């Protein structure tokens, strides 16, 4: 979805763990076809995942903790809304000079 919506011009680094879905031929082919570069640390080394881990911690504490979704679709919609309507355009990040990710990216261009 990010590739489709953002249409990155240059190479983009994708951080992941060593799960089978990220080591498959199909995934590697997708990365190559879309000018994406895999970044995967060795087993037991979580440094590459620090950003993802921070995001999921924020998602859990700010949105989904103590919620019970009646359907998977409602859960997906809520997570999508969190990312697209709050986290990226409005949530300020200390590591971005207190700018939301969208504003930080625009300022860097």
Protein backbone atom coordinates (compact mmCIF):
# COMPACT_ATOMS: atom_id res chain seq x y z
CA UNK A 1 0.00 0.00 0.00
CA UNK A 2 2.81 2.41 0.83
CA UNK A 3 4.46 1.84 -2.56
CA UNK A 4 1.16 2.36 -4.35
CA UNK A 5 0.22 5.52 -2.43
CA UNK A 6 3.64 7.15 -2.00
CA UNK A 7 5.34 6.13 -5.27
CA UNK A 8 8.88 6.63 -3.93
CA UNK A 9 11.38 8.04 -6.40
CA UNK A 10 14.61 6.77 -4.83
CA UNK A 11 15.57 3.58 -3.08
CA UNK A 12 13.69 2.97 0.18
CA UNK A 13 15.00 0.78 3.00
CA UNK A 14 12.52 -1.70 4.47
CA UNK A 15 13.31 -2.99 7.96
CA UNK A 16 12.09 -6.44 8.92
CA UNK A 17 12.89 -9.44 11.03
CA UNK A 18 13.91 -12.84 9.70
CA UNK A 19 10.38 -14.21 9.43
CA UNK A 20 9.74 -16.52 6.49
CA UNK A 21 7.46 -13.94 4.86
CA UNK A 22 10.45 -11.57 4.61
CA UNK A 23 12.89 -14.15 3.26
CA UNK A 24 10.63 -15.61 0.57
CA UNK A 25 11.32 -15.40 -3.14
CA UNK A 26 8.07 -13.48 -3.67
CA UNK A 27 9.02 -10.82 -1.12
CA UNK A 28 12.52 -10.40 -2.52
CA UNK A 29 11.05 -10.12 -6.01
CA UNK A 30 8.57 -7.46 -4.83
CA UNK A 31 11.41 -5.46 -3.24
CA UNK A 32 13.48 -5.60 -6.41
CA UNK A 33 10.54 -4.64 -8.65
CA UNK A 34 9.81 -1.55 -6.54
CA UNK A 35 13.36 -0.31 -5.86
CA UNK A 36 13.18 -1.29 -2.19
CA UNK A 37 16.13 -2.52 -0.15
CA UNK A 38 15.72 -5.08 2.61
CA UNK A 39 17.40 -4.37 5.94
CA UNK A 40 17.47 -7.40 8.18
CA UNK A 41 19.77 -7.81 11.12
CA UNK A 42 21.13 -11.16 12.23
CA UNK A 43 19.09 -13.36 14.53
CA UNK A 44 18.68 -11.92 18.03
CA UNK A 45 19.75 -8.41 16.99
CA UNK A 46 16.75 -6.08 17.23
CA UNK A 47 18.41 -2.76 16.32
CA UNK A 48 16.95 -2.58 12.80
CA UNK A 49 13.48 -3.02 14.25
CA UNK A 50 13.66 -0.20 16.80
CA UNK A 51 11.50 2.12 14.69
CA UNK A 52 8.88 -0.56 14.05
CA UNK A 53 8.89 -1.60 17.71
CA UNK A 54 8.37 2.03 18.74
CA UNK A 55 5.49 2.42 16.29
CA UNK A 56 3.71 -0.72 17.49
CA UNK A 57 4.15 0.35 21.12
CA UNK A 58 2.51 3.69 20.26
CA UNK A 59 -0.29 1.99 18.35
CA UNK A 60 -1.03 -0.30 21.28
CA UNK A 61 -0.96 2.36 23.99
CA UNK A 62 -2.62 5.16 22.02
CA UNK A 63 -5.28 3.26 20.13
CA UNK A 64 -5.97 -0.43 20.59
CA UNK A 65 -5.24 -1.22 24.24
CA UNK A 66 -8.36 -2.47 26.02
CA UNK A 67 -10.42 -2.38 22.81
CA UNK A 68 -12.35 -5.38 21.64
CA UNK A 69 -13.23 -5.30 17.96
CA UNK A 70 -16.37 -7.09 16.82
CA UNK A 71 -14.87 -7.92 13.42
CA UNK A 72 -11.45 -8.07 11.83
CA UNK A 73 -12.63 -5.43 9.34
CA UNK A 74 -13.40 -2.99 12.18
CA UNK A 75 -9.96 -3.59 13.66
CA UNK A 76 -8.30 -3.01 10.28
CA UNK A 77 -10.27 0.19 9.74
CA UNK A 78 -9.34 1.50 13.19
CA UNK A 79 -5.64 0.79 12.69
CA UNK A 80 -5.77 2.36 9.21
CA UNK A 81 -7.43 5.48 10.64
CA UNK A 82 -4.79 5.69 13.38
CA UNK A 83 -1.96 5.55 10.84
CA UNK A 84 -3.41 7.66 8.04
CA UNK A 85 -5.47 10.22 9.97
CA UNK A 86 -3.42 10.64 13.16
CA UNK A 87 0.04 9.07 13.33
CA UNK A 88 1.46 10.25 9.98
CA UNK A 89 -0.22 13.65 9.55
CA UNK A 90 -0.66 14.91 13.13
CA UNK A 91 1.29 13.00 15.80
CA UNK A 92 4.43 14.91 16.73
CA UNK A 93 7.68 12.95 17.07
CA UNK A 94 10.60 14.02 19.24
CA UNK A 95 13.11 12.50 16.78
CA UNK A 96 11.62 14.61 13.96
CA UNK A 97 12.06 17.94 15.72
CA UNK A 98 8.50 17.65 17.07
CA UNK A 99 7.04 17.43 13.56
CA UNK A 100 4.58 14.80 12.34
CA UNK A 101 6.14 12.35 9.85
CA UNK A 102 4.39 13.91 6.84
CA UNK A 103 5.64 17.43 7.70
CA UNK A 104 9.14 16.14 8.42
CA UNK A 105 9.29 14.38 5.05
CA UNK A 106 8.04 17.48 3.21
CA UNK A 107 10.66 19.66 4.92
CA UNK A 108 13.41 17.20 3.93
CA UNK A 109 12.58 17.36 0.21
